[in-house]
Amino acid sequence: MPVKGWIEVDEVYCKGCGLCISVCPQDVLELDEERLTSKGYHPVKLAREGCTGCAVCVLVCPDVAISVYREAVHKAASMLT
């Protein structure tokens, strides 16, 4: 089962540069063309499922506008009989 992740974008800092979109290995980010930030930029958004929480987008964001979260994976303990 693949790991599930998601992002949150702080629109105060996001200037819609698109660097995070270009490096996303899952190709799940895009600019939100229907919204503008208070500074007039289209912020990035999670466009579809498939984010694994790899955090590559965070590493390239020059404005530290992205937070990444990853669903905790709980492995079942194997039973010895």
PDB file of N, CA and C in Angstrom:
ATOM      1  N   MET A   1       0.847  -1.173   0.000  1.00  0.00           N
ATOM      2  CA  MET A   1       0.000   0.000   0.000  1.00  0.00           C
ATOM      3  C   MET A   1       0.896   1.242   0.000  1.00  0.00           C
ATOM      4  N   PRO A   2       0.732   2.146  -0.971  1.00  0.00           N
ATOM      5  CA  PRO A   2       1.577   3.346  -1.038  1.00  0.00           C
ATOM      6  C   PRO A   2       1.266   4.314   0.106  1.00  0.00           C
ATOM      7  N   VAL A   3       2.281   5.050   0.486  1.00  0.00           N
ATOM      8  CA  VAL A   3       2.133   6.053   1.538  1.00  0.00           C
ATOM      9  C   VAL A   3       1.309   7.211   1.003  1.00  0.00           C
ATOM     10  N   LYS A   4       0.419   7.747   1.828  1.00  0.00           N
ATOM     11  CA  LYS A   4      -0.386   8.895   1.422  1.00  0.00           C
ATOM     12  C   LYS A   4       0.150  10.148   2.101  1.00  0.00           C
ATOM     13  N   GLY A   5       0.233  11.204   1.321  1.00  0.00           N
ATOM     14  CA  GLY A   5       0.689  12.469   1.850  1.00  0.00           C
ATOM     15  C   GLY A   5      -0.181  13.593   1.329  1.00  0.00           C
ATOM     16  N   TRP A   6       0.045  14.787   1.858  1.00  0.00           N
ATOM     17  CA  TRP A   6      -0.662  15.973   1.387  1.00  0.00           C
ATOM     18  C   TRP A   6       0.155  17.200   1.751  1.00  0.00           C
ATOM     19  N   ILE A   7      -0.173  18.291   1.106  1.00  0.00           N
ATOM     20  CA  ILE A   7       0.534  19.541   1.372  1.00  0.00           C
ATOM     21  C   ILE A   7      -0.449  20.601   1.846  1.00  0.00           C
ATOM     22  N   GLU A   8       0.094  21.579   2.535  1.00  0.00           N
ATOM     23  CA  GLU A   8      -0.638  22.799   2.853  1.00  0.00           C
ATOM     24  C   GLU A   8       0.237  23.950   2.384  1.00  0.00           C
ATOM     25  N   VAL A   9      -0.386  24.901   1.704  1.00  0.00           N
ATOM     26  CA  VAL A   9       0.348  26.031   1.143  1.00  0.00           C
ATOM     27  C   VAL A   9      -0.031  27.297   1.907  1.00  0.00           C
ATOM     28  N   ASP A  10       0.976  28.015   2.392  1.00  0.00           N
ATOM     29  CA  ASP A  10       0.754  29.290   3.052  1.00  0.00           C
ATOM     30  C   ASP A  10       0.710  30.354   1.958  1.00  0.00           C
ATOM     31  N   GLU A  11      -0.494  30.792   1.639  1.00  0.00           N
ATOM     32  CA  GLU A  11      -0.683  31.724   0.525  1.00  0.00           C
ATOM     33  C   GLU A  11      -0.095  33.109   0.777  1.00  0.00           C
ATOM     34  N   VAL A  12       0.274  33.391   2.008  1.00  0.00           N
ATOM     35  CA  VAL A  12       0.941  34.661   2.301  1.00  0.00           C
ATOM     36  C   VAL A  12       2.318  34.667   1.634  1.00  0.00           C
ATOM     37  N   TYR A  13       2.930  33.493   1.548  1.00  0.00           N
ATOM     38  CA  TYR A  13       4.289  33.399   1.016  1.00  0.00           C
ATOM     39  C   TYR A  13       4.372  32.864  -0.410  1.00  0.00           C
ATOM     40  N   CYS A  14       3.401  32.071  -0.850  1.00  0.00           N
ATOM     41  CA  CYS A  14       3.469  31.467  -2.188  1.00  0.00           C
ATOM     42  C   CYS A  14       3.307  32.535  -3.269  1.00  0.00           C
ATOM     43  N   LYS A  15       4.269  32.564  -4.194  1.00  0.00           N
ATOM     44  CA  LYS A  15       4.187  33.525  -5.293  1.00  0.00           C
ATOM     45  C   LYS A  15       3.942  32.842  -6.629  1.00  0.00           C
ATOM     46  N   GLY A  16       3.567  31.557  -6.576  1.00  0.00           N
ATOM     47  CA  GLY A  16       3.205  30.855  -7.804  1.00  0.00           C
ATOM     48  C   GLY A  16       4.339  30.683  -8.778  1.00  0.00           C
ATOM     49  N   CYS A  17       5.553  30.495  -8.291  1.00  0.00           N
ATOM     50  CA  CYS A  17       6.709  30.388  -9.195  1.00  0.00           C
ATOM     51  C   CYS A  17       6.725  29.077  -9.968  1.00  0.00           C
ATOM     52  N   GLY A  18       6.102  28.039  -9.426  1.00  0.00           N
ATOM     53  CA  GLY A  18       6.008  26.773 -10.127  1.00  0.00           C
ATOM     54  C   GLY A  18       7.185  25.831  -9.959  1.00  0.00           C
ATOM     55  N   LEU A  19       8.180  26.196  -9.159  1.00  0.00           N
ATOM     56  CA  LEU A  19       9.320  25.302  -8.972  1.00  0.00           C
ATOM     57  C   LEU A  19       8.883  23.968  -8.374  1.00  0.00           C
ATOM     58  N   CYS A  20       7.984  24.012  -7.424  1.00  0.00           N
ATOM     59  CA  CYS A  20       7.510  22.780  -6.787  1.00  0.00           C
ATOM     60  C   CYS A  20       6.784  21.888  -7.792  1.00  0.00           C
ATOM     61  N   ILE A  21       6.051  22.496  -8.697  1.00  0.00           N
ATOM     62  CA  ILE A  21       5.317  21.742  -9.714  1.00  0.00           C
ATOM     63  C   ILE A  21       6.298  21.003 -10.616  1.00  0.00           C
ATOM     64  N   SER A  22       7.377  21.666 -10.981  1.00  0.00           N
ATOM     65  CA  SER A  22       8.333  21.080 -11.925  1.00  0.00           C
ATOM     66  C   SER A  22       9.123  19.916 -11.336  1.00  0.00           C
ATOM     67  N   VAL A  23       9.250  19.833 -10.015  1.00  0.00           N
ATOM     68  CA  VAL A  23      10.044  18.752  -9.410  1.00  0.00           C
ATOM     69  C   VAL A  23       9.201  17.654  -8.776  1.00  0.00           C
ATOM     70  N   CYS A  24       7.913  17.807  -8.726  1.00  0.00           N
ATOM     71  CA  CYS A  24       7.057  16.806  -8.078  1.00  0.00           C
ATOM     72  C   CYS A  24       7.134  15.477  -8.832  1.00  0.00           C
ATOM     73  N   PRO A  25       7.674  14.434  -8.199  1.00  0.00           N
ATOM     74  CA  PRO A  25       7.802  13.156  -8.906  1.00  0.00           C
ATOM     75  C   PRO A  25       6.459  12.472  -9.167  1.00  0.00           C
ATOM     76  N   GLN A  26       5.428  12.853  -8.426  1.00  0.00           N
ATOM     77  CA  GLN A  26       4.109  12.247  -8.606  1.00  0.00           C
ATOM     78  C   GLN A  26       3.230  13.065  -9.552  1.00  0.00           C
ATOM     79  N   ASP A  27       3.678  14.244  -9.935  1.00  0.00           N
ATOM     80  CA  ASP A  27       2.945  15.130 -10.844  1.00  0.00           C
ATOM     81  C   ASP A  27       1.521  15.420 -10.341  1.00  0.00           C
ATOM     82  N   VAL A  28       1.433  15.828  -9.065  1.00  0.00           N
ATOM     83  CA  VAL A  28       0.118  16.072  -8.470  1.00  0.00           C
ATOM     84  C   VAL A  28      -0.115  17.541  -8.093  1.00  0.00           C
ATOM     85  N   LEU A  29       0.835  18.414  -8.407  1.00  0.00           N
ATOM     86  CA  LEU A  29       0.703  19.839  -8.070  1.00  0.00           C
ATOM     87  C   LEU A  29       0.398  20.660  -9.313  1.00  0.00           C
ATOM     88  N   GLU A  30      -0.353  21.736  -9.112  1.00  0.00           N
ATOM     89  CA  GLU A  30      -0.604  22.686 -10.202  1.00  0.00           C
ATOM     90  C   GLU A  30      -0.958  24.025  -9.591  1.00  0.00           C
ATOM     91  N   LEU A  31      -0.894  25.067 -10.414  1.00  0.00           N
ATOM     92  CA  LEU A  31      -1.308  26.392  -9.955  1.00  0.00           C
ATOM     93  C   LEU A  31      -2.827  26.443  -9.924  1.00  0.00           C
ATOM     94  N   ASP A  32      -3.355  27.072  -8.901  1.00  0.00           N
ATOM     95  CA  ASP A  32      -4.807  27.227  -8.763  1.00  0.00           C
ATOM     96  C   ASP A  32      -5.213  28.461  -9.561  1.00  0.00           C
ATOM     97  N   GLU A  33      -5.612  28.243 -10.791  1.00  0.00           N
ATOM     98  CA  GLU A  33      -5.959  29.336 -11.703  1.00  0.00           C
ATOM     99  C   GLU A  33      -7.246  30.063 -11.310  1.00  0.00           C
ATOM    100  N   GLU A  34      -7.998  29.506 -10.372  1.00  0.00           N
ATOM    101  CA  GLU A  34      -9.260  30.123  -9.950  1.00  0.00           C
ATOM    102  C   GLU A  34      -9.102  31.007  -8.719  1.00  0.00           C
ATOM    103  N   ARG A  35      -7.904  31.046  -8.152  1.00  0.00           N
ATOM    104  CA  ARG A  35      -7.684  31.834  -6.942  1.00  0.00           C
ATOM    105  C   ARG A  35      -6.486  32.748  -7.111  1.00  0.00           C
ATOM    106  N   LEU A  36      -6.524  33.840  -6.416  1.00  0.00           N
ATOM    107  CA  LEU A  36      -5.397  34.764  -6.336  1.00  0.00           C
ATOM    108  C   LEU A  36      -5.077  35.016  -4.873  1.00  0.00           C
ATOM    109  N   THR A  37      -3.799  35.120  -4.561  1.00  0.00           N
ATOM    110  CA  THR A  37      -3.405  35.478  -3.209  1.00  0.00           C
ATOM    111  C   THR A  37      -3.596  36.986  -3.027  1.00  0.00           C
ATOM    112  N   SER A  38      -3.381  37.445  -1.830  1.00  0.00           N
ATOM    113  CA  SER A  38      -3.514  38.882  -1.569  1.00  0.00           C
ATOM    114  C   SER A  38      -2.493  39.705  -2.355  1.00  0.00           C
ATOM    115  N   LYS A  39      -1.420  39.054  -2.804  1.00  0.00           N
ATOM    116  CA  LYS A  39      -0.395  39.737  -3.597  1.00  0.00           C
ATOM    117  C   LYS A  39      -0.624  39.580  -5.101  1.00  0.00           C
ATOM    118  N   GLY A  40      -1.697  38.865  -5.478  1.00  0.00           N
ATOM    119  CA  GLY A  40      -2.037  38.724  -6.891  1.00  0.00           C
ATOM    120  C   GLY A  40      -1.446  37.529  -7.604  1.00  0.00           C
ATOM    121  N   TYR A  41      -0.965  36.543  -6.861  1.00  0.00           N
ATOM    122  CA  TYR A  41      -0.384  35.343  -7.464  1.00  0.00           C
ATOM    123  C   TYR A  41      -1.377  34.187  -7.424  1.00  0.00           C
ATOM    124  N   HIS A  42      -1.267  33.269  -8.376  1.00  0.00           N
ATOM    125  CA  HIS A  42      -2.012  32.018  -8.334  1.00  0.00           C
ATOM    126  C   HIS A  42      -1.200  31.058  -7.463  1.00  0.00           C
ATOM    127  N   PRO A  43      -1.752  30.613  -6.334  1.00  0.00           N
ATOM    128  CA  PRO A  43      -0.984  29.721  -5.461  1.00  0.00           C
ATOM    129  C   PRO A  43      -0.979  28.293  -5.996  1.00  0.00           C
ATOM    130  N   VAL A  44      -0.013  27.524  -5.540  1.00  0.00           N
ATOM    131  CA  VAL A  44       0.043  26.107  -5.910  1.00  0.00           C
ATOM    132  C   VAL A  44      -1.002  25.356  -5.089  1.00  0.00           C
ATOM    133  N   LYS A  45      -1.465  24.237  -5.640  1.00  0.00           N
ATOM    134  CA  LYS A  45      -2.419  23.395  -4.910  1.00  0.00           C
ATOM    135  C   LYS A  45      -2.167  21.934  -5.251  1.00  0.00           C
ATOM    136  N   LEU A  46      -2.648  21.070  -4.383  1.00  0.00           N
ATOM    137  CA  LEU A  46      -2.622  19.639  -4.638  1.00  0.00           C
ATOM    138  C   LEU A  46      -3.788  19.358  -5.568  1.00  0.00           C
ATOM    139  N   ALA A  47      -3.503  18.976  -6.800  1.00  0.00           N
ATOM    140  CA  ALA A  47      -4.524  18.876  -7.833  1.00  0.00           C
ATOM    141  C   ALA A  47      -5.212  17.524  -7.898  1.00  0.00           C
ATOM    142  N   ARG A  48      -4.536  16.494  -7.436  1.00  0.00           N
ATOM    143  CA  ARG A  48      -5.107  15.150  -7.524  1.00  0.00           C
ATOM    144  C   ARG A  48      -4.457  14.258  -6.470  1.00  0.00           C
ATOM    145  N   GLU A  49      -5.033  13.116  -6.253  1.00  0.00           N
ATOM    146  CA  GLU A  49      -4.473  12.154  -5.310  1.00  0.00           C
ATOM    147  C   GLU A  49      -3.177  11.585  -5.861  1.00  0.00           C
ATOM    148  N   GLY A  50      -2.363  11.099  -4.985  1.00  0.00           N
ATOM    149  CA  GLY A  50      -1.112  10.492  -5.407  1.00  0.00           C
ATOM    150  C   GLY A  50       0.104  11.043  -4.680  1.00  0.00           C
ATOM    151  N   CYS A  51      -0.091  12.093  -3.878  1.00  0.00           N
ATOM    152  CA  CYS A  51       1.021  12.657  -3.106  1.00  0.00           C
ATOM    153  C   CYS A  51       1.506  11.609  -2.111  1.00  0.00           C
ATOM    154  N   THR A  52       2.827  11.419  -2.052  1.00  0.00           N
ATOM    155  CA  THR A  52       3.412  10.468  -1.119  1.00  0.00           C
ATOM    156  C   THR A  52       4.078  11.161   0.069  1.00  0.00           C
ATOM    157  N   GLY A  53       4.065  12.483   0.075  1.00  0.00           N
ATOM    158  CA  GLY A  53       4.702  13.218   1.158  1.00  0.00           C
ATOM    159  C   GLY A  53       6.214  13.190   1.077  1.00  0.00           C
ATOM    160  N   CYS A  54       6.757  13.089  -0.115  1.00  0.00           N
ATOM    161  CA  CYS A  54       8.211  12.977  -0.284  1.00  0.00           C
ATOM    162  C   CYS A  54       8.961  14.254   0.110  1.00  0.00           C
ATOM    163  N   ALA A  55       8.281  15.389   0.070  1.00  0.00           N
ATOM    164  CA  ALA A  55       8.820  16.697   0.488  1.00  0.00           C
ATOM    165  C   ALA A  55       9.834  17.302  -0.475  1.00  0.00           C
ATOM    166  N   VAL A  56       9.907  16.832  -1.702  1.00  0.00           N
ATOM    167  CA  VAL A  56      10.798  17.451  -2.681  1.00  0.00           C
ATOM    168  C   VAL A  56      10.335  18.887  -2.933  1.00  0.00           C
ATOM    169  N   CYS A  57       9.026  19.102  -2.955  1.00  0.00           N
ATOM    170  CA  CYS A  57       8.486  20.449  -3.181  1.00  0.00           C
ATOM    171  C   CYS A  57       8.956  21.433  -2.105  1.00  0.00           C
ATOM    172  N   VAL A  58       9.036  20.964  -0.881  1.00  0.00           N
ATOM    173  CA  VAL A  58       9.487  21.813   0.223  1.00  0.00           C
ATOM    174  C   VAL A  58      10.940  22.223   0.023  1.00  0.00           C
ATOM    175  N   LEU A  59      11.742  21.292  -0.443  1.00  0.00           N
ATOM    176  CA  LEU A  59      13.171  21.556  -0.618  1.00  0.00           C
ATOM    177  C   LEU A  59      13.459  22.621  -1.667  1.00  0.00           C
ATOM    178  N   VAL A  60      12.611  22.724  -2.684  1.00  0.00           N
ATOM    179  CA  VAL A  60      12.874  23.697  -3.744  1.00  0.00           C
ATOM    180  C   VAL A  60      12.115  25.009  -3.583  1.00  0.00           C
ATOM    181  N   CYS A  61      11.158  25.063  -2.669  1.00  0.00           N
ATOM    182  CA  CYS A  61      10.361  26.288  -2.508  1.00  0.00           C
ATOM    183  C   CYS A  61      11.223  27.411  -1.936  1.00  0.00           C
ATOM    184  N   PRO A  62      11.449  28.462  -2.716  1.00  0.00           N
ATOM    185  CA  PRO A  62      12.319  29.547  -2.243  1.00  0.00           C
ATOM    186  C   PRO A  62      11.684  30.405  -1.153  1.00  0.00           C
ATOM    187  N   ASP A  63      10.382  30.272  -0.968  1.00  0.00           N
ATOM    188  CA  ASP A  63       9.687  31.119   0.002  1.00  0.00           C
ATOM    189  C   ASP A  63       9.165  30.355   1.207  1.00  0.00           C
ATOM    190  N   VAL A  64       9.531  29.099   1.341  1.00  0.00           N
ATOM    191  CA  VAL A  64       9.125  28.248   2.467  1.00  0.00           C
ATOM    192  C   VAL A  64       7.614  28.338   2.672  1.00  0.00           C
ATOM    193  N   ALA A  65       6.883  28.175   1.587  1.00  0.00           N
ATOM    194  CA  ALA A  65       5.428  28.332   1.622  1.00  0.00           C
ATOM    195  C   ALA A  65       4.680  27.011   1.745  1.00  0.00           C
ATOM    196  N   ILE A  66       5.396  25.890   1.710  1.00  0.00           N
ATOM    197  CA  ILE A  66       4.743  24.583   1.682  1.00  0.00           C
ATOM    198  C   ILE A  66       5.079  23.777   2.925  1.00  0.00           C
ATOM    199  N   SER A  67       4.058  23.162   3.491  1.00  0.00           N
ATOM    200  CA  SER A  67       4.238  22.189   4.565  1.00  0.00           C
ATOM    201  C   SER A  67       3.741  20.853   4.029  1.00  0.00           C
ATOM    202  N   VAL A  68       4.478  19.799   4.322  1.00  0.00           N
ATOM    203  CA  VAL A  68       4.127  18.463   3.834  1.00  0.00           C
ATOM    204  C   VAL A  68       3.785  17.570   5.011  1.00  0.00           C
ATOM    205  N   TYR A  69       2.763  16.772   4.820  1.00  0.00           N
ATOM    206  CA  TYR A  69       2.329  15.827   5.848  1.00  0.00           C
ATOM    207  C   TYR A  69       2.247  14.449   5.232  1.00  0.00           C
ATOM    208  N   ARG A  70       2.494  13.448   6.056  1.00  0.00           N
ATOM    209  CA  ARG A  70       2.460  12.059   5.590  1.00  0.00           C
ATOM    210  C   ARG A  70       1.655  11.235   6.581  1.00  0.00           C
ATOM    211  N   GLU A  71       0.772  10.425   6.027  1.00  0.00           N
ATOM    212  CA  GLU A  71      -0.047   9.547   6.849  1.00  0.00           C
ATOM    213  C   GLU A  71       0.850   8.526   7.544  1.00  0.00           C
ATOM    214  N   ALA A  72       0.627   8.321   8.823  1.00  0.00           N
ATOM    215  CA  ALA A  72       1.406   7.340   9.566  1.00  0.00           C
ATOM    216  C   ALA A  72       1.040   5.937   9.100  1.00  0.00           C
ATOM    217  N   VAL A  73       2.050   5.129   8.923  1.00  0.00           N
ATOM    218  CA  VAL A  73       1.836   3.755   8.497  1.00  0.00           C
ATOM    219  C   VAL A  73       2.042   2.857   9.705  1.00  0.00           C
ATOM    220  N   HIS A  74       1.027   2.086  10.027  1.00  0.00           N
ATOM    221  CA  HIS A  74       1.104   1.158  11.157  1.00  0.00           C
ATOM    222  C   HIS A  74       1.209  -0.249  10.601  1.00  0.00           C
ATOM    223  N   LYS A  75       2.285  -0.922  10.940  1.00  0.00           N
ATOM    224  CA  LYS A  75       2.469  -2.292  10.475  1.00  0.00           C
ATOM    225  C   LYS A  75       1.904  -3.247  11.516  1.00  0.00           C
ATOM    226  N   ALA A  76       1.162  -4.209  11.055  1.00  0.00           N
ATOM    227  CA  ALA A  76       0.605  -5.206  11.953  1.00  0.00           C
ATOM    228  C   ALA A  76       1.729  -6.109  12.459  1.00  0.00           C
ATOM    229  N   ALA A  77       1.686  -6.394  13.735  1.00  0.00           N
ATOM    230  CA  ALA A  77       2.690  -7.290  14.316  1.00  0.00           C
ATOM    231  C   ALA A  77       2.425  -8.708  13.823  1.00  0.00           C
ATOM    232  N   SER A  78       3.470  -9.362  13.412  1.00  0.00           N
ATOM    233  CA  SER A  78       3.284 -10.732  12.927  1.00  0.00           C
ATOM    234  C   SER A  78       3.137 -11.670  14.125  1.00  0.00           C
ATOM    235  N   MET A  79       2.285 -12.634  13.960  1.00  0.00           N
ATOM    236  CA  MET A  79       2.012 -13.571  15.048  1.00  0.00           C
ATOM    237  C   MET A  79       2.859 -14.821  14.844  1.00  0.00           C
ATOM    238  N   LEU A  80       3.514 -15.241  15.891  1.00  0.00           N
ATOM    239  CA  LEU A  80       4.317 -16.466  15.847  1.00  0.00           C
ATOM    240  C   LEU A  80       3.491 -17.578  16.455  1.00  0.00           C
ATOM    241  N   THR A  81       3.289 -18.623  15.718  1.00  0.00           N
ATOM    242  CA  THR A  81       2.552 -19.771  16.254  1.00  0.00           C
ATOM    243  C   THR A  81       3.281 -21.053  16.004  1.00  0.00           C
TER     244      THR A  81
END
